[in-house]
Amino acid sequence: MARKKNVTFNDIAQYTHFSKTTISRYFNNPDSLTPENQQIISDALDKLNYKENKVAKILANGQTEFVGVLIPSLSMNYYSEMLNQILASYKKYGYKFLVFAGNGHDETERRYIQELMSYKIEGLIVLSHTLSSRELSDLQIPVVTIEREDQFVCSVNTDNYLGAHEATSLLIHNHCDVLIHLNSPTKENVPAYRRRAGFQDACVKAGVPHEVIIRDFGLSYQEAAAPLQEIFDNIEQKYAGQKKGIFLSNDDHANILLNLLIRKYHTLPDDYELIGFDGAPISEQAIYPISTVGQQIDQIADEAVSLLVSQMQERKKRHPVPLAEPVHKTVPPLLIRRQTTT
């Protein structure tokens, strides 16, 4: 059986009576053609059953349609769900993703970025906190960060202060005697720092006894389990007989603390209320679904990819106009009430 001949630019040109240069412009710079001519060529591609040769296109114009993604860890539910949503944007935007999970080491993550650049990525999404936005801005490609320091690059973040304030206000409304916030060491220029501020401001305004516990919990269950066990034991002793409202900085830690309570009491005691942060799948899947501050992860991912795509598309124009300054978008959180709050 004879092998079916691939449709070439010459075939399309003959079918449409356009030049091969015009056909090339359709693929590489469609905005240079009128909408009517774009439609004529698009219809011809369908009639001829044209199959695009991606490798040939990359070699011709150097545009890979690859986007790099650098995340801190896949073991935490928030990051894995954010990655799921970013990858799902392919259907809407048509870009493919090359992903590296960082390890918190500067040189290692620089090597990851060098590897990504060697694949001619057109843009980069960064959730890792390791490298400064100043360094990322020097990459000469569009960069969008999510929930990290972002002074010199575009970003999409949650309103962390509002989310924390709402979570704390719910615990106050539920008549907790003492409020406790568990968090990791966080610099003031990182959006998540505002969770601590929102918690403290709500407590001070209401005149409620409160404590902030800062501890390095790492980026995995194995790293977080021991310090959370120690903190739980201390809370049990220090606040015995009081109703405790605990606001944790993420849903993974809220789930670990919930498991510690269930192991000891075989249920969630009436003198504990828990609220996490993120709206990650683990909060809904826990043995007692956990109240949480939902980050609207799907919307954040879409906003980040959209912001990146707009910059990448601008660079492809004949006379691109770069951003005068970084764009910072904020997505409002949603307080999700479940079984760990009354």
Protein backbone atom coordinates (compact mmCIF):
# COMPACT_ATOMS: atom_id res chain seq x y z
CA MET A 1 0.00 0.00 0.00
CA ALA A 2 1.41 3.37 -1.00
CA ARG A 3 2.29 5.72 1.84
CA LYS A 4 0.04 8.77 1.98
CA LYS A 5 1.88 11.93 0.98
CA ASN A 6 2.20 14.64 3.62
CA VAL A 7 0.53 17.93 2.73
CA THR A 8 3.15 20.64 2.18
CA PHE A 9 3.07 24.44 2.15
CA ASN A 10 3.25 24.21 -1.63
CA ASP A 11 0.09 22.09 -1.72
CA ILE A 12 -1.74 24.59 0.48
CA ALA A 13 -0.51 27.50 -1.67
CA GLN A 14 -1.75 25.84 -4.86
CA TYR A 15 -5.13 25.03 -3.29
CA THR A 16 -5.71 28.57 -1.96
CA HIS A 17 -3.89 30.46 -4.78
CA PHE A 18 -1.81 32.22 -2.15
CA SER A 19 1.99 32.36 -2.15
CA LYS A 20 4.02 30.05 0.07
CA THR A 21 5.17 33.17 1.92
CA THR A 22 1.55 33.94 2.81
CA ILE A 23 1.02 30.37 4.00
CA SER A 24 4.14 30.64 6.15
CA ARG A 25 2.85 33.89 7.66
CA TYR A 26 -0.39 32.12 8.59
CA PHE A 27 1.52 29.70 10.79
CA ASN A 28 4.18 32.03 12.15
CA ASN A 29 2.53 35.44 12.26
CA PRO A 30 -1.23 35.07 11.67
CA ASP A 31 -1.98 38.62 12.82
CA SER A 32 -0.25 39.87 9.66
CA LEU A 33 -3.08 38.40 7.56
CA THR A 34 -6.64 39.62 7.27
CA PRO A 35 -9.28 37.56 9.10
CA GLU A 36 -10.77 36.64 5.72
CA ASN A 37 -7.48 35.20 4.43
CA GLN A 38 -6.89 33.39 7.72
CA GLN A 39 -10.27 31.72 7.32
CA ILE A 40 -9.56 30.71 3.71
CA ILE A 41 -6.31 29.02 4.75
CA SER A 42 -7.93 27.40 7.80
CA ASP A 43 -10.67 25.92 5.60
CA ALA A 44 -8.03 24.63 3.17
CA LEU A 45 -6.16 22.89 5.98
CA ASP A 46 -9.34 21.03 6.90
CA LYS A 47 -10.07 20.07 3.29
CA LEU A 48 -6.52 18.84 2.70
CA ASN A 49 -6.38 17.05 6.10
CA TYR A 50 -3.17 18.91 6.94
CA LYS A 51 -1.13 17.56 9.87
CA GLU A 52 1.23 20.13 11.32
CA ASN A 53 4.88 19.12 11.69
CA LYS A 54 5.79 20.59 15.07
CA VAL A 55 9.51 19.84 14.74
CA ALA A 56 9.70 21.60 11.39
CA LYS A 57 7.84 24.58 12.81
CA ILE A 58 10.25 24.87 15.75
CA LEU A 59 13.23 24.68 13.42
CA ALA A 60 11.70 27.33 11.18
CA ASN A 61 10.74 29.96 13.72
CA GLY A 62 12.37 28.92 17.00
CA GLN A 63 9.02 28.98 18.82
CA THR A 64 8.66 25.77 20.82
CA GLU A 65 5.33 26.46 22.56
CA PHE A 66 7.04 25.12 25.69
CA VAL A 67 6.55 26.71 29.10
CA GLY A 68 8.75 25.84 32.06
CA VAL A 69 7.31 25.25 35.54
CA LEU A 70 9.38 25.24 38.73
CA ILE A 71 7.59 24.12 41.89
CA PRO A 72 9.00 23.43 45.37
CA SER A 73 7.54 19.95 45.88
CA LEU A 74 5.00 17.47 44.60
CA SER A 75 4.38 15.94 48.04
CA MET A 76 2.22 18.83 49.25
CA ASN A 77 -1.35 18.82 48.00
CA TYR A 78 -1.43 22.52 47.16
CA TYR A 79 1.50 22.32 44.74
CA SER A 80 0.36 19.10 43.08
CA GLU A 81 -3.15 20.48 42.55
CA MET A 82 -1.78 23.78 41.23
CA LEU A 83 0.35 21.81 38.77
CA ASN A 84 -2.71 19.79 37.72
CA GLN A 85 -4.57 22.99 36.94
CA ILE A 86 -1.63 24.53 35.07
CA LEU A 87 -1.24 21.42 32.92
CA ALA A 88 -4.98 21.41 32.21
CA SER A 89 -4.64 24.85 30.61
CA TYR A 90 -3.16 23.20 27.49
CA LYS A 91 -6.68 22.72 26.14
CA LYS A 92 -7.35 26.47 26.38
CA TYR A 93 -3.97 27.99 25.50
CA GLY A 94 -2.14 25.27 23.54
CA TYR A 95 1.17 25.48 25.40
CA LYS A 96 3.05 22.41 26.66
CA PHE A 97 4.85 22.28 29.99
CA LEU A 98 8.25 21.09 31.17
CA VAL A 99 8.24 20.67 34.95
CA PHE A 100 10.97 20.56 37.58
CA ALA A 101 10.39 20.10 41.32
CA GLY A 102 12.96 22.17 43.20
CA ASN A 103 14.76 21.19 46.35
CA GLY A 104 15.44 24.55 47.96
CA HIS A 105 19.08 24.66 46.77
CA ASP A 106 20.05 27.71 44.72
CA GLU A 107 22.55 26.02 42.42
CA THR A 108 20.32 23.02 41.75
CA GLU A 109 17.39 25.20 40.75
CA ARG A 110 19.64 27.34 38.58
CA ARG A 111 20.68 24.15 36.75
CA TYR A 112 17.00 23.26 36.34
CA ILE A 113 16.33 26.64 34.77
CA GLN A 114 19.37 26.30 32.49
CA GLU A 115 18.00 22.95 31.36
CA LEU A 116 14.61 24.50 30.68
CA MET A 117 16.22 27.35 28.74
CA SER A 118 18.11 24.83 26.62
CA TYR A 119 14.73 23.55 25.43
CA LYS A 120 13.90 27.11 24.31
CA ILE A 121 10.98 27.60 26.67
CA GLU A 122 8.99 30.70 25.79
CA GLY A 123 7.98 31.51 29.38
CA LEU A 124 8.36 30.33 32.96
CA ILE A 125 5.95 29.84 35.89
CA VAL A 126 7.64 29.72 39.29
CA LEU A 127 6.18 28.62 42.62
CA SER A 128 9.54 27.79 44.21
CA HIS A 129 10.82 30.38 46.69
CA THR A 130 14.53 29.71 46.23
CA LEU A 131 15.64 32.25 43.62
CA SER A 132 14.87 35.95 43.91
CA SER A 133 12.53 37.72 41.51
CA ARG A 134 15.46 39.97 40.59
CA GLU A 135 17.37 36.94 39.32
CA LEU A 136 14.31 35.55 37.54
CA SER A 137 13.76 38.88 35.78
CA ASP A 138 17.19 38.58 34.17
CA LEU A 139 16.20 35.46 32.20
CA GLN A 140 15.01 37.52 29.21
CA ILE A 141 11.77 35.56 28.92
CA PRO A 142 8.34 36.26 30.44
CA VAL A 143 8.09 35.00 34.04
CA VAL A 144 4.99 34.72 36.23
CA THR A 145 5.21 33.66 39.86
CA ILE A 146 2.50 32.27 42.14
CA GLU A 147 2.43 32.91 45.90
CA ARG A 148 6.05 33.96 46.35
CA GLU A 149 8.24 37.09 46.40
CA ASP A 150 7.49 38.95 43.18
CA GLN A 151 8.91 42.48 43.17
CA PHE A 152 10.54 42.29 39.73
CA VAL A 153 8.29 39.83 37.87
CA CYS A 154 4.59 39.41 37.18
CA SER A 155 2.59 37.39 39.68
CA VAL A 156 -0.77 35.95 40.70
CA ASN A 157 -1.47 35.62 44.42
CA THR A 158 -4.27 34.99 46.87
CA ASP A 159 -5.46 37.71 49.23
CA ASN A 160 -3.77 35.96 52.14
CA TYR A 161 -4.65 38.63 54.70
CA LEU A 162 -8.36 38.49 53.91
CA GLY A 163 -8.40 34.70 54.01
CA ALA A 164 -6.63 34.53 57.36
CA HIS A 165 -8.84 37.25 58.84
CA GLU A 166 -12.00 35.43 57.77
CA ALA A 167 -10.76 32.09 59.12
CA THR A 168 -9.82 33.64 62.46
CA SER A 169 -13.13 35.51 62.67
CA LEU A 170 -14.99 32.21 62.25
CA LEU A 171 -13.07 30.67 65.16
CA ILE A 172 -13.85 33.74 67.27
CA HIS A 173 -17.51 33.53 66.29
CA ASN A 174 -17.52 29.88 67.39
CA HIS A 175 -16.49 30.94 70.91
CA CYS A 176 -13.02 29.44 71.03
CA ASP A 177 -11.26 30.38 74.27
CA VAL A 178 -7.82 30.59 72.73
CA LEU A 179 -6.68 30.85 69.11
CA ILE A 180 -3.46 29.33 67.80
CA HIS A 181 -1.82 29.87 64.43
CA LEU A 182 0.80 27.45 63.12
CA ASN A 183 3.08 28.68 60.34
CA SER A 184 6.57 28.32 58.89
CA PRO A 185 9.29 31.00 58.92
CA THR A 186 8.23 33.39 56.16
CA LYS A 187 9.78 36.62 54.93
CA GLU A 188 7.60 39.71 54.97
CA ASN A 189 7.82 40.11 51.18
CA VAL A 190 6.22 36.69 50.62
CA PRO A 191 2.40 36.82 50.22
CA ALA A 192 1.82 34.01 52.75
CA TYR A 193 3.29 36.21 55.49
CA ARG A 194 0.00 38.08 55.42
CA ARG A 195 -1.74 35.02 56.86
CA ARG A 196 0.01 35.67 60.16
CA ALA A 197 -0.90 39.36 60.03
CA GLY A 198 -4.57 38.62 59.29
CA PHE A 199 -4.73 36.19 62.20
CA GLN A 200 -3.11 38.55 64.69
CA ASP A 201 -5.17 41.58 63.67
CA ALA A 202 -8.45 39.67 64.04
CA CYS A 203 -7.41 38.37 67.46
CA VAL A 204 -6.29 41.75 68.73
CA LYS A 205 -9.46 43.45 67.49
CA ALA A 206 -11.64 40.87 69.28
CA GLY A 207 -9.45 40.82 72.40
CA VAL A 208 -9.07 37.04 72.22
CA PRO A 209 -6.06 35.24 73.77
CA HIS A 210 -3.88 33.93 70.98
CA GLU A 211 -0.51 32.42 70.15
CA VAL A 212 1.51 32.23 66.94
CA ILE A 213 3.79 29.19 66.66
CA ILE A 214 6.50 29.41 64.00
CA ARG A 215 8.31 26.21 63.09
CA ASP A 216 10.10 24.81 60.06
CA PHE A 217 7.78 22.03 58.88
CA GLY A 218 9.64 21.24 55.65
CA LEU A 219 7.86 20.27 52.45
CA SER A 220 6.74 16.71 53.16
CA TYR A 221 4.67 14.67 55.59
CA GLN A 222 7.81 13.06 56.96
CA GLU A 223 9.33 16.44 57.83
CA ALA A 224 6.14 17.91 59.29
CA ALA A 225 4.89 14.98 61.39
CA ALA A 226 7.41 15.22 64.26
CA PRO A 227 7.15 18.98 64.94
CA LEU A 228 3.35 18.83 64.70
CA GLN A 229 3.29 15.98 67.23
CA GLU A 230 5.44 18.04 69.59
CA ILE A 231 3.24 21.11 69.15
CA PHE A 232 0.09 19.04 69.70
CA ASP A 233 1.46 17.62 72.96
CA ASN A 234 2.32 21.12 74.19
CA ILE A 235 -1.13 22.47 73.28
CA GLU A 236 -2.76 19.60 75.14
CA GLN A 237 -0.86 20.51 78.32
CA LYS A 238 -0.90 24.30 78.05
CA TYR A 239 -4.55 24.76 77.10
CA ALA A 240 -6.25 21.81 78.84
CA GLY A 241 -9.89 22.50 79.55
CA GLN A 242 -10.13 25.36 77.04
CA LYS A 243 -11.76 25.36 73.63
CA LYS A 244 -8.94 25.68 71.13
CA GLY A 245 -9.31 27.20 67.66
CA ILE A 246 -6.30 26.29 65.50
CA PHE A 247 -5.63 28.02 62.19
CA LEU A 248 -2.93 26.19 60.19
CA SER A 249 -1.01 27.63 57.25
CA ASN A 250 -1.95 24.80 54.88
CA ASP A 251 -4.31 21.87 54.51
CA ASP A 252 -1.60 19.19 54.70
CA HIS A 253 -0.66 20.28 58.21
CA ALA A 254 -4.31 20.59 59.18
CA ASN A 255 -4.83 16.98 58.08
CA ILE A 256 -1.81 15.76 60.06
CA LEU A 257 -3.08 17.51 63.21
CA LEU A 258 -6.57 16.11 62.65
CA ASN A 259 -5.09 12.60 62.44
CA LEU A 260 -3.22 13.16 65.72
CA LEU A 261 -6.47 14.13 67.41
CA ILE A 262 -8.32 11.11 66.03
CA ARG A 263 -5.53 8.72 67.06
CA LYS A 264 -5.76 9.99 70.62
CA TYR A 265 -9.51 10.53 71.01
CA HIS A 266 -10.96 8.39 68.16
CA THR A 267 -12.98 11.42 67.12
CA LEU A 268 -12.63 15.19 66.78
CA PRO A 269 -13.10 16.49 70.34
CA ASP A 270 -15.57 19.29 71.01
CA ASP A 271 -12.81 21.47 72.47
CA TYR A 272 -10.93 21.66 69.14
CA GLU A 273 -11.73 23.50 65.93
CA LEU A 274 -9.41 23.40 62.93
CA ILE A 275 -9.12 25.53 59.80
CA GLY A 276 -6.51 24.99 57.09
CA PHE A 277 -5.49 27.10 54.14
CA ASP A 278 -5.35 26.39 50.38
CA GLY A 279 -8.51 24.47 49.48
CA ALA A 280 -6.38 21.53 48.35
CA PRO A 281 -8.11 18.17 47.68
CA ILE A 282 -6.85 16.71 50.99
CA SER A 283 -9.08 19.13 52.91
CA GLU A 284 -12.20 17.58 51.39
CA GLN A 285 -10.88 14.00 51.42
CA ALA A 286 -9.85 13.94 55.12
CA ILE A 287 -11.65 11.58 57.50
CA TYR A 288 -13.44 14.66 58.80
CA PRO A 289 -13.59 17.15 55.91
CA ILE A 290 -11.53 20.15 57.00
CA SER A 291 -12.68 23.76 56.99
CA THR A 292 -10.25 25.78 54.92
CA VAL A 293 -9.49 29.04 53.18
CA GLY A 294 -9.86 28.08 49.54
CA GLN A 295 -7.32 29.71 47.24
CA GLN A 296 -9.42 29.09 44.10
CA ILE A 297 -6.49 27.16 42.67
CA ASP A 298 -8.13 26.70 39.27
CA GLN A 299 -8.61 30.45 38.86
CA ILE A 300 -5.07 31.25 40.03
CA ALA A 301 -3.60 28.76 37.55
CA ASP A 302 -5.69 30.15 34.70
CA GLU A 303 -4.78 33.76 35.57
CA ALA A 304 -1.09 32.85 35.72
CA VAL A 305 -1.05 31.05 32.37
CA SER A 306 -3.15 33.79 30.76
CA LEU A 307 -0.80 36.49 32.04
CA LEU A 308 2.20 34.55 30.75
CA VAL A 309 0.61 33.82 27.35
CA SER A 310 -0.24 37.48 26.79
CA GLN A 311 3.44 38.39 27.28
CA MET A 312 4.68 35.55 25.07
CA GLN A 313 2.26 36.50 22.30
CA GLU A 314 3.31 40.14 22.53
CA ARG A 315 6.96 39.16 21.97
CA LYS A 316 5.97 37.49 18.68
CA LYS A 317 4.57 40.67 17.16
CA ARG A 318 6.51 42.66 14.59
CA HIS A 319 6.70 45.64 16.99
CA PRO A 320 6.28 44.22 20.50
CA VAL A 321 5.50 46.52 23.40
CA PRO A 322 6.98 45.08 26.62
CA LEU A 323 5.36 45.70 29.98
CA ALA A 324 6.44 48.94 31.59
CA GLU A 325 6.37 47.26 35.01
CA PRO A 326 5.34 43.88 36.43
CA VAL A 327 1.65 43.06 36.66
CA HIS A 328 0.44 41.70 40.02
CA LYS A 329 -2.98 40.08 40.20
CA THR A 330 -4.81 39.09 43.38
CA VAL A 331 -7.51 36.41 43.54
CA PRO A 332 -9.94 36.59 46.49
CA PRO A 333 -10.12 33.50 48.72
CA LEU A 334 -13.24 31.59 49.72
CA LEU A 335 -13.87 30.46 53.29
CA ILE A 336 -15.09 26.85 53.08
CA ARG A 337 -16.85 25.58 56.20
CA ARG A 338 -16.75 21.85 56.81
CA GLN A 339 -16.85 19.45 59.76
CA THR A 340 -13.83 20.72 61.72
CA THR A 341 -15.66 23.94 62.67
CA THR A 342 -19.10 24.16 64.23
